[in-house]
């Protein structure tokens, strides 16, 4: 299943997931605070796009200037920084900061999208692979390097997203991009699942890293789960779930300053 068709299918059969959160309208105090500028830490739920979250918050606050500081794929969860009002000026700087992710890679197959948005194929045996083999393979990815993004990505070629071109069956030469991997730790290996933590520069595609690790190990691999845990100095432990944020906003004094 190509990227793009995934959400048409998901939203057609799971509309409650997008409609179950309460409809909240911010108080005038909170609205003014957000227009002045706030940096919100949100734990993005699975199946939501980053823009879904921004749109929900924008509608609840009733202000125009709301944006996020770095996209998370729909199947990923974790720290999404949402900036409001005058704080949207911070977005570019926040996007340049170092990111931390945890997640799971499945060995022994590949997918066209490098994750679970498409079906696994090209299955290979993994009985001979050990955790040390995987850890030794990660050494090759530490440091500055050129990474080829997934063909199913939002990168644009002549104004058209790559995933749109891929869905049309058009072959496009994808330019490698400079990234830096500061740390790539294998936390556990429960075949076929590889549990990892990675610290990386902006612009890094963890889906590509999962695909490339599988290639390095010699059996193929794809990303099955991903969670962003840090963006610069901001940590997931300090983030609100979207539901908790809306409930707190409904109190009418979320951003009320202590007198």
Foldseek 3Di string as FASTA:
>chain_A
DFPPVLLVVCCVVPVCVLVVFDQAAFFPVVLVVQQVKDKAWAWADAQDWQVSLQVSVCNRSVDDAKDWQDTDPNRATATIIMMGHPNVVCSVVLLFFKWKKKFKKFAFFAALQLEPSGDTDDGDDDVPPDPVLLVVLCVVQAFKDWFFHRLRDQDDDVRHGSSVCVVVVHDDDTGTDIKHWHDWAFPDCDHRMTIIMTMIGRPDDVSRVQQVSNVSSPRGMGTYYMYIADRHPDGRVPHDYSSRVRVCSNVNCNPPDDD
